[in-house]
Amino acid sequence: MNPEILYEDNHLLVVYKPIEVLSQADSSNRIDMLTILKKYIKEKYNKPGDVYLGLVHRLDYNTSGVMVYARTSKAAARLALSMQNGEFKKKYYAIVEGIVEAKTLTNYLLKDENEKKSYVNKNGKLAILDYKPIKTLKYKGVNSSLIDVSLKTGRFHQIRCQMAYIGHPLVGDNKYGSKINCHYYLDCYSLSFPHPISKEILTFNYEKRRNQLF
């Protein structure tokens, strides 16, 4: 596949990851963005040998959206520090079961490594998000809401877990309680972070998937 490159310089690659593509390779041999982008760099710049590209963050296999990869180890280290300091801002669209009102959710999430799932648990890590409804709709035959989510923290399966906990799982998210058999809809449409070298705040908004749906 040809990657959708949103921004490129000597330090970064900002791309759009579609659904059913891994952020990086695992044991499943499924297609992954890291391998695709290394091939892209190697061919575009005619680079010999292995190409360095650092994974900064991940999106789940069935989650689409904007991602940034680091082209140097220095950029990777600085972007990782920016993430730790809460300087990455992410916004998502999601379709959840039921009719919802705007709210801030604050929970503590604990990741179960065996199940690859998060649970609300007082011994977990603080997880905060804001969401607001955009429109109500009938999605896959279910009364649903398209919501706009702003993440304040970045926990494993945070949106999926927190929305399910309040009784509004993503439509089709069987792992978190939805009974509907379909791909869930979760798209990181906005990513903002400081450039690792210039410190300029870069913001990328890409609403391709929403525009295709509506």
N, C-alpha and C. Protein backbone atom coordinates (compact mmCIF):
# COMPACT_ATOMS: atom_id res chain seq x y z
N MET A 1 0.84 -1.19 0.00
CA MET A 1 0.00 0.00 0.00
C MET A 1 0.87 1.25 0.00
N ASN A 2 0.36 2.32 -0.59
CA ASN A 2 1.06 3.60 -0.59
C ASN A 2 0.65 4.39 0.64
N PRO A 3 1.58 4.76 1.50
CA PRO A 3 1.21 5.48 2.73
C PRO A 3 0.73 6.89 2.43
N GLU A 4 -0.20 7.38 3.24
CA GLU A 4 -0.68 8.76 3.14
C GLU A 4 0.19 9.62 4.05
N ILE A 5 1.10 10.36 3.44
CA ILE A 5 2.05 11.19 4.18
C ILE A 5 1.45 12.58 4.36
N LEU A 6 1.29 13.00 5.61
CA LEU A 6 0.73 14.31 5.90
C LEU A 6 1.81 15.37 6.11
N TYR A 7 3.00 14.93 6.53
CA TYR A 7 4.10 15.86 6.78
C TYR A 7 5.39 15.06 6.80
N GLU A 8 6.44 15.69 6.28
CA GLU A 8 7.73 14.99 6.23
C GLU A 8 8.87 16.00 6.29
N ASP A 9 9.83 15.75 7.16
CA ASP A 9 11.08 16.49 7.13
C ASP A 9 12.20 15.54 7.54
N ASN A 10 13.38 16.06 7.86
CA ASN A 10 14.51 15.20 8.19
C ASN A 10 14.36 14.50 9.53
N HIS A 11 13.39 14.91 10.33
CA HIS A 11 13.24 14.39 11.69
C HIS A 11 11.97 13.56 11.88
N LEU A 12 10.93 13.83 11.06
CA LEU A 12 9.61 13.26 11.31
C LEU A 12 8.94 12.73 10.05
N LEU A 13 8.02 11.82 10.29
CA LEU A 13 7.02 11.44 9.30
C LEU A 13 5.67 11.45 10.01
N VAL A 14 4.74 12.23 9.51
CA VAL A 14 3.38 12.22 10.04
C VAL A 14 2.49 11.57 8.97
N VAL A 15 1.76 10.56 9.37
CA VAL A 15 1.02 9.75 8.40
C VAL A 15 -0.38 9.47 8.89
N TYR A 16 -1.22 9.00 7.96
CA TYR A 16 -2.56 8.54 8.34
C TYR A 16 -2.57 7.01 8.27
N LYS A 17 -2.89 6.37 9.40
CA LYS A 17 -2.98 4.91 9.45
C LYS A 17 -4.43 4.47 9.25
N PRO A 18 -4.69 3.66 8.23
CA PRO A 18 -6.05 3.15 8.06
C PRO A 18 -6.34 2.00 9.02
N ILE A 19 -7.59 1.57 9.07
CA ILE A 19 -7.93 0.42 9.90
C ILE A 19 -7.32 -0.84 9.27
N GLU A 20 -7.21 -1.87 10.09
CA GLU A 20 -6.69 -3.18 9.70
C GLU A 20 -5.23 -3.10 9.23
N VAL A 21 -4.49 -2.17 9.84
CA VAL A 21 -3.05 -2.07 9.65
C VAL A 21 -2.44 -1.88 11.03
N LEU A 22 -1.42 -2.67 11.36
CA LEU A 22 -0.74 -2.55 12.64
C LEU A 22 0.14 -1.31 12.66
N SER A 23 0.39 -0.77 13.85
CA SER A 23 1.33 0.34 14.00
C SER A 23 2.76 -0.14 13.78
N GLN A 24 3.05 -1.35 14.26
CA GLN A 24 4.34 -2.00 14.02
C GLN A 24 4.11 -3.51 13.94
N ALA A 25 5.07 -4.23 13.42
CA ALA A 25 4.90 -5.66 13.19
C ALA A 25 4.78 -6.43 14.50
N ASP A 26 4.01 -7.52 14.46
CA ASP A 26 3.96 -8.46 15.57
C ASP A 26 4.11 -9.87 15.01
N SER A 27 3.75 -10.87 15.75
CA SER A 27 3.94 -12.25 15.31
C SER A 27 2.91 -12.72 14.30
N SER A 28 1.93 -11.87 13.98
CA SER A 28 0.83 -12.29 13.10
C SER A 28 1.15 -12.19 11.62
N ASN A 29 2.25 -11.51 11.28
CA ASN A 29 2.62 -11.28 9.88
C ASN A 29 1.63 -10.42 9.12
N ARG A 30 0.79 -9.65 9.85
CA ARG A 30 -0.11 -8.73 9.19
C ARG A 30 0.64 -7.47 8.78
N ILE A 31 0.11 -6.75 7.82
CA ILE A 31 0.74 -5.54 7.31
C ILE A 31 0.85 -4.51 8.43
N ASP A 32 1.97 -3.75 8.44
CA ASP A 32 2.16 -2.76 9.50
C ASP A 32 2.78 -1.49 8.95
N MET A 33 2.47 -0.37 9.59
CA MET A 33 2.90 0.95 9.13
C MET A 33 4.42 1.12 9.18
N LEU A 34 5.05 0.61 10.22
CA LEU A 34 6.50 0.80 10.36
C LEU A 34 7.24 0.20 9.16
N THR A 35 6.87 -1.00 8.77
CA THR A 35 7.51 -1.64 7.62
C THR A 35 7.21 -0.89 6.33
N ILE A 36 5.96 -0.46 6.17
CA ILE A 36 5.56 0.29 4.98
C ILE A 36 6.36 1.58 4.86
N LEU A 37 6.52 2.28 5.98
CA LEU A 37 7.20 3.57 5.95
C LEU A 37 8.71 3.43 5.77
N LYS A 38 9.28 2.39 6.33
CA LYS A 38 10.71 2.15 6.09
C LYS A 38 10.98 1.90 4.61
N LYS A 39 10.10 1.15 3.98
CA LYS A 39 10.23 0.89 2.55
C LYS A 39 10.07 2.18 1.75
N TYR A 40 9.11 3.00 2.18
CA TYR A 40 8.88 4.29 1.51
C TYR A 40 10.14 5.16 1.57
N ILE A 41 10.77 5.27 2.75
CA ILE A 41 11.97 6.10 2.90
C ILE A 41 13.13 5.52 2.09
N LYS A 42 13.28 4.23 2.17
CA LYS A 42 14.38 3.56 1.47
C LYS A 42 14.30 3.81 -0.04
N GLU A 43 13.09 3.70 -0.59
CA GLU A 43 12.91 3.88 -2.03
C GLU A 43 12.99 5.35 -2.44
N LYS A 44 12.38 6.23 -1.65
CA LYS A 44 12.36 7.66 -2.02
C LYS A 44 13.75 8.28 -1.99
N TYR A 45 14.53 7.91 -0.97
CA TYR A 45 15.84 8.53 -0.80
C TYR A 45 16.99 7.61 -1.20
N ASN A 46 16.64 6.46 -1.78
CA ASN A 46 17.65 5.51 -2.26
C ASN A 46 18.68 5.20 -1.18
N LYS A 47 18.19 4.87 0.02
CA LYS A 47 19.07 4.63 1.16
C LYS A 47 19.56 3.17 1.16
N PRO A 48 20.84 2.96 1.37
CA PRO A 48 21.36 1.60 1.46
C PRO A 48 21.15 1.02 2.86
N GLY A 49 21.12 -0.29 2.98
CA GLY A 49 21.04 -0.93 4.29
C GLY A 49 19.72 -0.68 4.99
N ASP A 50 19.74 -0.89 6.31
CA ASP A 50 18.53 -0.72 7.10
C ASP A 50 18.20 0.76 7.28
N VAL A 51 16.92 1.07 7.29
CA VAL A 51 16.43 2.43 7.50
C VAL A 51 15.97 2.57 8.94
N TYR A 52 16.42 3.63 9.63
CA TYR A 52 15.94 3.87 10.99
C TYR A 52 14.60 4.60 10.94
N LEU A 53 13.64 4.11 11.72
CA LEU A 53 12.38 4.81 11.92
C LEU A 53 11.86 4.41 13.29
N GLY A 54 11.64 5.39 14.15
CA GLY A 54 11.26 5.12 15.53
C GLY A 54 9.76 5.20 15.74
N LEU A 55 9.22 4.19 16.41
CA LEU A 55 7.81 4.19 16.79
C LEU A 55 7.63 5.07 18.02
N VAL A 56 6.80 6.10 17.91
CA VAL A 56 6.60 7.05 19.00
C VAL A 56 5.37 6.69 19.83
N HIS A 57 4.30 6.26 19.16
CA HIS A 57 3.05 5.88 19.83
C HIS A 57 2.33 4.88 18.94
N ARG A 58 1.23 4.35 19.42
CA ARG A 58 0.52 3.31 18.67
C ARG A 58 -0.96 3.66 18.52
N LEU A 59 -1.54 3.10 17.48
CA LEU A 59 -2.98 3.02 17.35
C LEU A 59 -3.34 1.56 17.16
N ASP A 60 -4.47 1.13 17.73
CA ASP A 60 -4.88 -0.25 17.61
C ASP A 60 -5.14 -0.65 16.16
N TYR A 61 -5.13 -1.93 15.92
CA TYR A 61 -5.32 -2.50 14.58
C TYR A 61 -6.58 -1.96 13.92
N ASN A 62 -7.68 -1.89 14.66
CA ASN A 62 -8.95 -1.43 14.10
C ASN A 62 -9.24 0.04 14.37
N THR A 63 -8.23 0.78 14.81
CA THR A 63 -8.35 2.22 14.99
C THR A 63 -7.55 2.91 13.90
N SER A 64 -8.15 3.91 13.29
CA SER A 64 -7.47 4.68 12.25
C SER A 64 -7.01 6.02 12.81
N GLY A 65 -6.18 6.72 12.04
CA GLY A 65 -5.86 8.07 12.46
C GLY A 65 -4.44 8.54 12.20
N VAL A 66 -4.18 9.75 12.69
CA VAL A 66 -2.91 10.43 12.47
C VAL A 66 -1.86 9.89 13.44
N MET A 67 -0.69 9.59 12.91
CA MET A 67 0.43 9.10 13.72
C MET A 67 1.71 9.83 13.33
N VAL A 68 2.66 9.91 14.27
CA VAL A 68 3.97 10.46 13.97
C VAL A 68 5.02 9.39 14.24
N TYR A 69 5.97 9.27 13.33
CA TYR A 69 7.13 8.40 13.48
C TYR A 69 8.39 9.26 13.42
N ALA A 70 9.44 8.84 14.13
CA ALA A 70 10.68 9.61 14.21
C ALA A 70 11.71 9.07 13.23
N ARG A 71 12.35 9.96 12.50
CA ARG A 71 13.35 9.54 11.51
C ARG A 71 14.76 9.48 12.08
N THR A 72 14.95 9.99 13.31
CA THR A 72 16.25 9.90 13.97
C THR A 72 16.04 9.48 15.42
N SER A 73 17.07 8.92 16.02
CA SER A 73 16.96 8.50 17.42
C SER A 73 16.82 9.72 18.34
N LYS A 74 17.44 10.83 17.97
CA LYS A 74 17.32 12.07 18.75
C LYS A 74 15.87 12.55 18.76
N ALA A 75 15.23 12.54 17.59
CA ALA A 75 13.83 12.95 17.49
C ALA A 75 12.94 11.99 18.28
N ALA A 76 13.24 10.70 18.20
CA ALA A 76 12.45 9.70 18.92
C ALA A 76 12.50 9.95 20.43
N ALA A 77 13.69 10.22 20.95
CA ALA A 77 13.85 10.45 22.39
C ALA A 77 13.11 11.71 22.83
N ARG A 78 13.19 12.76 22.03
CA ARG A 78 12.54 14.02 22.41
C ARG A 78 11.01 13.91 22.29
N LEU A 79 10.53 13.19 21.30
CA LEU A 79 9.09 13.00 21.17
C LEU A 79 8.55 12.15 22.31
N ALA A 80 9.32 11.14 22.70
CA ALA A 80 8.91 10.30 23.83
C ALA A 80 8.81 11.14 25.10
N LEU A 81 9.77 12.04 25.30
CA LEU A 81 9.74 12.91 26.47
C LEU A 81 8.54 13.86 26.42
N SER A 82 8.23 14.36 25.23
CA SER A 82 7.06 15.22 25.07
C SER A 82 5.78 14.49 25.44
N MET A 83 5.71 13.22 25.06
CA MET A 83 4.55 12.43 25.41
C MET A 83 4.44 12.26 26.92
N GLN A 84 5.56 11.95 27.55
CA GLN A 84 5.57 11.78 29.01
C GLN A 84 5.16 13.07 29.72
N ASN A 85 5.49 14.20 29.13
CA ASN A 85 5.18 15.49 29.74
C ASN A 85 3.77 15.99 29.39
N GLY A 86 3.01 15.19 28.68
CA GLY A 86 1.64 15.55 28.34
C GLY A 86 1.52 16.60 27.26
N GLU A 87 2.54 16.70 26.40
CA GLU A 87 2.54 17.73 25.36
C GLU A 87 1.90 17.26 24.06
N PHE A 88 1.55 15.99 23.97
CA PHE A 88 0.82 15.48 22.82
C PHE A 88 -0.67 15.69 23.07
N LYS A 89 -1.38 16.26 22.09
CA LYS A 89 -2.82 16.46 22.18
C LYS A 89 -3.49 15.63 21.09
N LYS A 90 -4.43 14.78 21.49
CA LYS A 90 -5.10 13.90 20.53
C LYS A 90 -6.61 14.07 20.64
N LYS A 91 -7.24 14.10 19.48
CA LYS A 91 -8.69 14.13 19.42
C LYS A 91 -9.19 12.99 18.52
N TYR A 92 -10.28 12.39 18.96
CA TYR A 92 -10.83 11.24 18.25
C TYR A 92 -12.31 11.44 17.95
N TYR A 93 -12.74 10.81 16.88
CA TYR A 93 -14.16 10.58 16.66
C TYR A 93 -14.45 9.13 17.02
N ALA A 94 -15.59 8.90 17.65
CA ALA A 94 -16.02 7.54 17.98
C ALA A 94 -17.53 7.47 17.85
N ILE A 95 -18.03 6.30 17.54
CA ILE A 95 -19.47 6.07 17.52
C ILE A 95 -19.78 5.09 18.65
N VAL A 96 -20.59 5.56 19.60
CA VAL A 96 -20.91 4.77 20.79
C VAL A 96 -22.40 4.44 20.83
N GLU A 97 -22.72 3.37 21.52
CA GLU A 97 -24.10 2.96 21.67
C GLU A 97 -24.86 3.94 22.57
N GLY A 98 -26.09 4.27 22.18
CA GLY A 98 -26.94 5.11 23.02
C GLY A 98 -26.80 6.59 22.74
N ILE A 99 -27.58 7.37 23.45
CA ILE A 99 -27.58 8.83 23.34
C ILE A 99 -26.83 9.38 24.55
N VAL A 100 -25.86 10.24 24.30
CA VAL A 100 -24.99 10.73 25.38
C VAL A 100 -25.02 12.25 25.47
N GLU A 101 -24.60 12.75 26.61
CA GLU A 101 -24.41 14.18 26.83
C GLU A 101 -22.94 14.45 27.12
N ALA A 102 -22.49 15.68 26.87
CA ALA A 102 -21.09 16.03 27.08
C ALA A 102 -20.69 15.77 28.53
N LYS A 103 -19.46 15.27 28.69
CA LYS A 103 -19.03 14.90 30.05
C LYS A 103 -17.50 14.76 30.09
N THR A 104 -16.95 14.93 31.27
CA THR A 104 -15.55 14.59 31.54
C THR A 104 -15.53 13.30 32.34
N LEU A 105 -14.74 12.34 31.90
CA LEU A 105 -14.62 11.06 32.59
C LEU A 105 -13.26 10.98 33.27
N THR A 106 -13.28 10.65 34.55
CA THR A 106 -12.05 10.47 35.32
C THR A 106 -12.11 9.11 36.01
N ASN A 107 -11.20 8.23 35.65
CA ASN A 107 -11.14 6.89 36.24
C ASN A 107 -9.69 6.50 36.45
N TYR A 108 -9.50 5.35 37.06
CA TYR A 108 -8.17 4.73 37.14
C TYR A 108 -8.24 3.42 36.38
N LEU A 109 -7.33 3.25 35.41
CA LEU A 109 -7.38 2.08 34.54
C LEU A 109 -6.19 1.16 34.81
N LEU A 110 -6.50 -0.13 34.88
CA LEU A 110 -5.48 -1.15 35.08
C LEU A 110 -5.48 -2.06 33.87
N LYS A 111 -4.33 -2.26 33.27
CA LYS A 111 -4.21 -3.10 32.08
C LYS A 111 -3.97 -4.54 32.46
N ASP A 112 -4.77 -5.44 31.91
CA ASP A 112 -4.56 -6.87 32.07
C ASP A 112 -3.74 -7.35 30.88
N GLU A 113 -2.49 -7.70 31.13
CA GLU A 113 -1.58 -8.08 30.05
C GLU A 113 -2.02 -9.36 29.35
N ASN A 114 -2.60 -10.29 30.10
CA ASN A 114 -3.02 -11.56 29.50
C ASN A 114 -4.23 -11.36 28.58
N GLU A 115 -5.18 -10.58 29.02
CA GLU A 115 -6.38 -10.34 28.22
C GLU A 115 -6.20 -9.24 27.18
N LYS A 116 -5.12 -8.46 27.31
CA LYS A 116 -4.93 -7.28 26.46
C LYS A 116 -6.17 -6.39 26.54
N LYS A 117 -6.51 -6.03 27.77
CA LYS A 117 -7.72 -5.28 28.03
C LYS A 117 -7.52 -4.42 29.28
N SER A 118 -8.18 -3.26 29.33
CA SER A 118 -8.11 -2.41 30.51
C SER A 118 -9.39 -2.50 31.33
N TYR A 119 -9.24 -2.33 32.64
CA TYR A 119 -10.37 -2.33 33.55
C TYR A 119 -10.30 -1.11 34.44
N VAL A 120 -11.46 -0.57 34.82
CA VAL A 120 -11.49 0.48 35.83
C VAL A 120 -11.17 -0.17 37.17
N ASN A 121 -10.11 0.34 37.81
CA ASN A 121 -9.61 -0.26 39.04
C ASN A 121 -8.87 0.81 39.83
N LYS A 122 -9.16 0.92 41.11
CA LYS A 122 -8.54 1.98 41.93
C LYS A 122 -7.03 1.86 42.00
N ASN A 123 -6.49 0.70 41.67
CA ASN A 123 -5.04 0.51 41.68
C ASN A 123 -4.38 0.84 40.34
N GLY A 124 -5.18 1.30 39.39
CA GLY A 124 -4.65 1.60 38.06
C GLY A 124 -4.09 3.01 37.95
N LYS A 125 -3.88 3.44 36.70
CA LYS A 125 -3.33 4.76 36.41
C LYS A 125 -4.46 5.73 36.07
N LEU A 126 -4.27 6.99 36.45
CA LEU A 126 -5.27 8.01 36.22
C LEU A 126 -5.55 8.15 34.72
N ALA A 127 -6.83 8.19 34.37
CA ALA A 127 -7.26 8.33 32.98
C ALA A 127 -8.35 9.40 32.91
N ILE A 128 -8.12 10.42 32.09
CA ILE A 128 -9.07 11.52 31.96
C ILE A 128 -9.34 11.79 30.48
N LEU A 129 -10.60 11.97 30.15
CA LEU A 129 -10.97 12.41 28.81
C LEU A 129 -12.21 13.29 28.88
N ASP A 130 -12.35 14.15 27.89
CA ASP A 130 -13.57 14.93 27.69
C ASP A 130 -14.24 14.43 26.41
N TYR A 131 -15.56 14.40 26.40
CA TYR A 131 -16.25 14.09 25.14
C TYR A 131 -17.51 14.92 25.02
N LYS A 132 -17.90 15.13 23.78
CA LYS A 132 -19.16 15.84 23.51
C LYS A 132 -19.81 15.20 22.29
N PRO A 133 -21.15 15.11 22.29
CA PRO A 133 -21.83 14.53 21.14
C PRO A 133 -21.85 15.49 19.96
N ILE A 134 -21.71 14.92 18.76
CA ILE A 134 -21.80 15.71 17.53
C ILE A 134 -23.16 15.51 16.88
N LYS A 135 -23.59 14.27 16.82
CA LYS A 135 -24.90 13.97 16.24
C LYS A 135 -25.36 12.60 16.72
N THR A 136 -26.66 12.40 16.72
CA THR A 136 -27.22 11.07 16.98
C THR A 136 -27.54 10.43 15.64
N LEU A 137 -27.47 9.11 15.61
CA LEU A 137 -27.68 8.41 14.36
C LEU A 137 -28.09 6.96 14.63
N LYS A 138 -28.56 6.33 13.59
CA LYS A 138 -28.83 4.90 13.62
C LYS A 138 -27.64 4.23 12.92
N TYR A 139 -26.77 3.60 13.69
CA TYR A 139 -25.55 3.00 13.14
C TYR A 139 -25.60 1.50 13.34
N LYS A 140 -25.55 0.77 12.24
CA LYS A 140 -25.65 -0.70 12.27
C LYS A 140 -26.93 -1.14 12.99
N GLY A 141 -27.98 -0.34 12.81
CA GLY A 141 -29.28 -0.67 13.40
C GLY A 141 -29.43 -0.30 14.86
N VAL A 142 -28.45 0.42 15.41
CA VAL A 142 -28.46 0.75 16.84
C VAL A 142 -28.55 2.26 17.03
N ASN A 143 -29.37 2.71 17.98
CA ASN A 143 -29.39 4.13 18.33
C ASN A 143 -28.02 4.50 18.90
N SER A 144 -27.33 5.43 18.26
CA SER A 144 -25.93 5.70 18.57
C SER A 144 -25.64 7.19 18.57
N SER A 145 -24.43 7.51 19.03
CA SER A 145 -23.97 8.90 19.03
C SER A 145 -22.56 8.96 18.44
N LEU A 146 -22.37 9.89 17.53
CA LEU A 146 -21.02 10.24 17.09
C LEU A 146 -20.48 11.26 18.07
N ILE A 147 -19.35 10.95 18.70
CA ILE A 147 -18.80 11.85 19.72
C ILE A 147 -17.40 12.32 19.34
N ASP A 148 -17.05 13.47 19.87
CA ASP A 148 -15.73 14.06 19.71
C ASP A 148 -15.02 13.93 21.06
N VAL A 149 -13.89 13.23 21.08
CA VAL A 149 -13.19 12.91 22.33
C VAL A 149 -11.84 13.61 22.37
N SER A 150 -11.55 14.30 23.48
CA SER A 150 -10.23 14.88 23.72
C SER A 150 -9.57 14.11 24.85
N LEU A 151 -8.45 13.48 24.53
CA LEU A 151 -7.73 12.72 25.55
C LEU A 151 -6.85 13.65 26.38
N LYS A 152 -6.96 13.52 27.68
CA LYS A 152 -6.08 14.25 28.59
C LYS A 152 -4.93 13.38 29.08
N THR A 153 -5.11 12.07 29.00
CA THR A 153 -4.06 11.10 29.32
C THR A 153 -4.06 10.06 28.19
N GLY A 154 -3.05 9.23 28.16
CA GLY A 154 -2.96 8.24 27.09
C GLY A 154 -2.81 6.83 27.63
N ARG A 155 -3.90 6.25 28.09
CA ARG A 155 -3.85 4.90 28.66
C ARG A 155 -4.28 3.86 27.62
N PHE A 156 -3.91 2.62 27.88
CA PHE A 156 -4.23 1.52 26.99
C PHE A 156 -5.74 1.36 26.86
N HIS A 157 -6.25 1.40 25.62
CA HIS A 157 -7.69 1.25 25.36
C HIS A 157 -8.53 2.24 26.15
N GLN A 158 -8.00 3.43 26.39
CA GLN A 158 -8.66 4.37 27.30
C GLN A 158 -10.08 4.72 26.88
N ILE A 159 -10.26 5.15 25.64
CA ILE A 159 -11.60 5.55 25.19
C ILE A 159 -12.55 4.36 25.22
N ARG A 160 -12.09 3.24 24.73
CA ARG A 160 -12.93 2.04 24.67
C ARG A 160 -13.38 1.61 26.08
N CYS A 161 -12.45 1.62 27.01
CA CYS A 161 -12.75 1.18 28.37
C CYS A 161 -13.64 2.17 29.10
N GLN A 162 -13.30 3.44 29.04
CA GLN A 162 -14.06 4.43 29.81
C GLN A 162 -15.49 4.60 29.29
N MET A 163 -15.66 4.56 27.96
CA MET A 163 -17.02 4.69 27.42
C MET A 163 -17.85 3.45 27.76
N ALA A 164 -17.25 2.28 27.72
CA ALA A 164 -17.98 1.06 28.08
C ALA A 164 -18.37 1.08 29.56
N TYR A 165 -17.49 1.63 30.38
CA TYR A 165 -17.74 1.65 31.83
C TYR A 165 -18.99 2.46 32.18
N ILE A 166 -19.30 3.48 31.39
CA ILE A 166 -20.50 4.28 31.67
C ILE A 166 -21.70 3.79 30.86
N GLY A 167 -21.57 2.60 30.26
CA GLY A 167 -22.70 1.99 29.56
C GLY A 167 -22.86 2.39 28.11
N HIS A 168 -21.81 2.97 27.52
CA HIS A 168 -21.88 3.38 26.11
C HIS A 168 -20.66 2.87 25.35
N PRO A 169 -20.55 1.55 25.19
CA PRO A 169 -19.40 1.03 24.45
C PRO A 169 -19.43 1.46 22.99
N LEU A 170 -18.28 1.42 22.35
CA LEU A 170 -18.24 1.68 20.92
C LEU A 170 -19.07 0.60 20.21
N VAL A 171 -19.86 1.03 19.24
CA VAL A 171 -20.66 0.07 18.48
C VAL A 171 -19.72 -0.93 17.80
N GLY A 172 -19.91 -2.21 18.08
CA GLY A 172 -19.07 -3.25 17.49
C GLY A 172 -17.85 -3.63 18.30
N ASP A 173 -17.63 -2.96 19.43
CA ASP A 173 -16.45 -3.27 20.25
C ASP A 173 -16.79 -4.41 21.20
N ASN A 174 -16.74 -5.63 20.68
CA ASN A 174 -17.15 -6.81 21.43
C ASN A 174 -16.30 -7.04 22.68
N LYS A 175 -15.04 -6.65 22.63
CA LYS A 175 -14.16 -6.83 23.79
C LYS A 175 -14.66 -6.05 24.99
N TYR A 176 -15.33 -4.94 24.74
CA TYR A 176 -15.80 -4.09 25.83
C TYR A 176 -17.33 -4.05 25.94
N GLY A 177 -17.98 -5.12 25.48
CA GLY A 177 -19.38 -5.29 25.81
C GLY A 177 -20.40 -5.05 24.72
N SER A 178 -20.00 -4.55 23.56
CA SER A 178 -20.98 -4.36 22.49
C SER A 178 -21.40 -5.72 21.94
N LYS A 179 -22.69 -5.86 21.64
CA LYS A 179 -23.23 -7.11 21.09
C LYS A 179 -23.36 -7.05 19.57
N ILE A 180 -22.95 -5.94 18.98
CA ILE A 180 -23.08 -5.75 17.54
C ILE A 180 -21.83 -6.30 16.85
N ASN A 181 -22.01 -7.04 15.78
CA ASN A 181 -20.89 -7.60 15.04
C ASN A 181 -20.52 -6.70 13.85
N CYS A 182 -19.55 -5.83 14.08
CA CYS A 182 -19.03 -4.95 13.03
C CYS A 182 -17.73 -4.36 13.53
N HIS A 183 -16.99 -3.71 12.63
CA HIS A 183 -15.81 -2.97 13.07
C HIS A 183 -16.27 -1.77 13.90
N TYR A 184 -15.65 -1.56 15.05
CA TYR A 184 -15.97 -0.35 15.79
C TYR A 184 -15.36 0.85 15.07
N TYR A 185 -15.92 2.02 15.34
CA TYR A 185 -15.49 3.26 14.69
C TYR A 185 -14.73 4.12 15.71
N LEU A 186 -13.42 4.22 15.50
CA LEU A 186 -12.57 5.06 16.36
C LEU A 186 -11.46 5.62 15.49
N ASP A 187 -11.40 6.94 15.40
CA ASP A 187 -10.49 7.59 14.46
C ASP A 187 -9.82 8.78 15.13
N CYS A 188 -8.48 8.75 15.20
CA CYS A 188 -7.71 9.87 15.73
C CYS A 188 -7.56 10.91 14.62
N TYR A 189 -8.45 11.89 14.62
CA TYR A 189 -8.49 12.84 13.51
C TYR A 189 -7.58 14.05 13.73
N SER A 190 -7.09 14.25 14.96
CA SER A 190 -6.26 15.42 15.24
C SER A 190 -5.10 15.05 16.16
N LEU A 191 -3.91 15.47 15.79
CA LEU A 191 -2.71 15.23 16.59
C LEU A 191 -1.89 16.51 16.63
N SER A 192 -1.51 16.93 17.84
CA SER A 192 -0.72 18.14 18.03
C SER A 192 0.43 17.85 18.97
N PHE A 193 1.62 18.35 18.64
CA PHE A 193 2.80 18.09 19.47
C PHE A 193 3.91 19.08 19.08
N PRO A 194 4.88 19.32 19.98
CA PRO A 194 6.00 20.20 19.63
C PRO A 194 7.02 19.46 18.75
N HIS A 195 7.49 20.15 17.73
CA HIS A 195 8.54 19.58 16.88
C HIS A 195 9.76 19.30 17.75
N PRO A 196 10.37 18.13 17.62
CA PRO A 196 11.47 17.76 18.54
C PRO A 196 12.70 18.65 18.42
N ILE A 197 12.86 19.36 17.31
CA ILE A 197 14.04 20.21 17.13
C ILE A 197 13.69 21.68 17.25
N SER A 198 12.72 22.15 16.46
CA SER A 198 12.37 23.57 16.44
C SER A 198 11.47 23.98 17.60
N LYS A 199 10.78 23.00 18.21
CA LYS A 199 9.81 23.21 19.30
C LYS A 199 8.52 23.89 18.82
N GLU A 200 8.41 24.13 17.53
CA GLU A 200 7.16 24.67 16.98
C GLU A 200 6.03 23.67 17.21
N ILE A 201 4.86 24.16 17.59
CA ILE A 201 3.72 23.28 17.79
C ILE A 201 3.14 22.91 16.42
N LEU A 202 3.14 21.64 16.12
CA LEU A 202 2.59 21.13 14.86
C LEU A 202 1.22 20.52 15.14
N THR A 203 0.24 20.87 14.33
CA THR A 203 -1.10 20.33 14.48
C THR A 203 -1.58 19.79 13.15
N PHE A 204 -2.06 18.55 13.19
CA PHE A 204 -2.54 17.90 11.98
C PHE A 204 -3.98 17.43 12.19
N ASN A 205 -4.87 17.94 11.35
CA ASN A 205 -6.27 17.52 11.38
C ASN A 205 -6.57 16.81 10.06
N TYR A 206 -7.13 15.63 10.16
CA TYR A 206 -7.39 14.84 8.96
C TYR A 206 -8.69 14.07 9.16
N GLU A 207 -9.72 14.52 8.48
CA GLU A 207 -11.06 13.99 8.72
C GLU A 207 -11.54 13.09 7.58
N LYS A 208 -10.61 12.42 6.93
CA LYS A 208 -10.96 11.59 5.78
C LYS A 208 -12.02 10.53 6.12
N ARG A 209 -11.82 9.81 7.22
CA ARG A 209 -12.73 8.70 7.50
C ARG A 209 -14.13 9.20 7.84
N ARG A 210 -14.21 10.29 8.61
CA ARG A 210 -15.53 10.85 8.92
C ARG A 210 -16.22 11.33 7.65
N ASN A 211 -15.47 11.99 6.77
CA ASN A 211 -16.06 12.49 5.53
C ASN A 211 -16.56 11.35 4.64
N GLN A 212 -15.88 10.21 4.69
CA GLN A 212 -16.32 9.06 3.92
C GLN A 212 -17.61 8.48 4.47
N LEU A 213 -17.76 8.53 5.79
CA LEU A 213 -18.93 7.94 6.44
C LEU A 213 -20.16 8.84 6.33
N PHE A 214 -19.94 10.15 6.49
CA PHE A 214 -21.07 11.09 6.48
C PHE A 214 -21.02 11.99 5.26
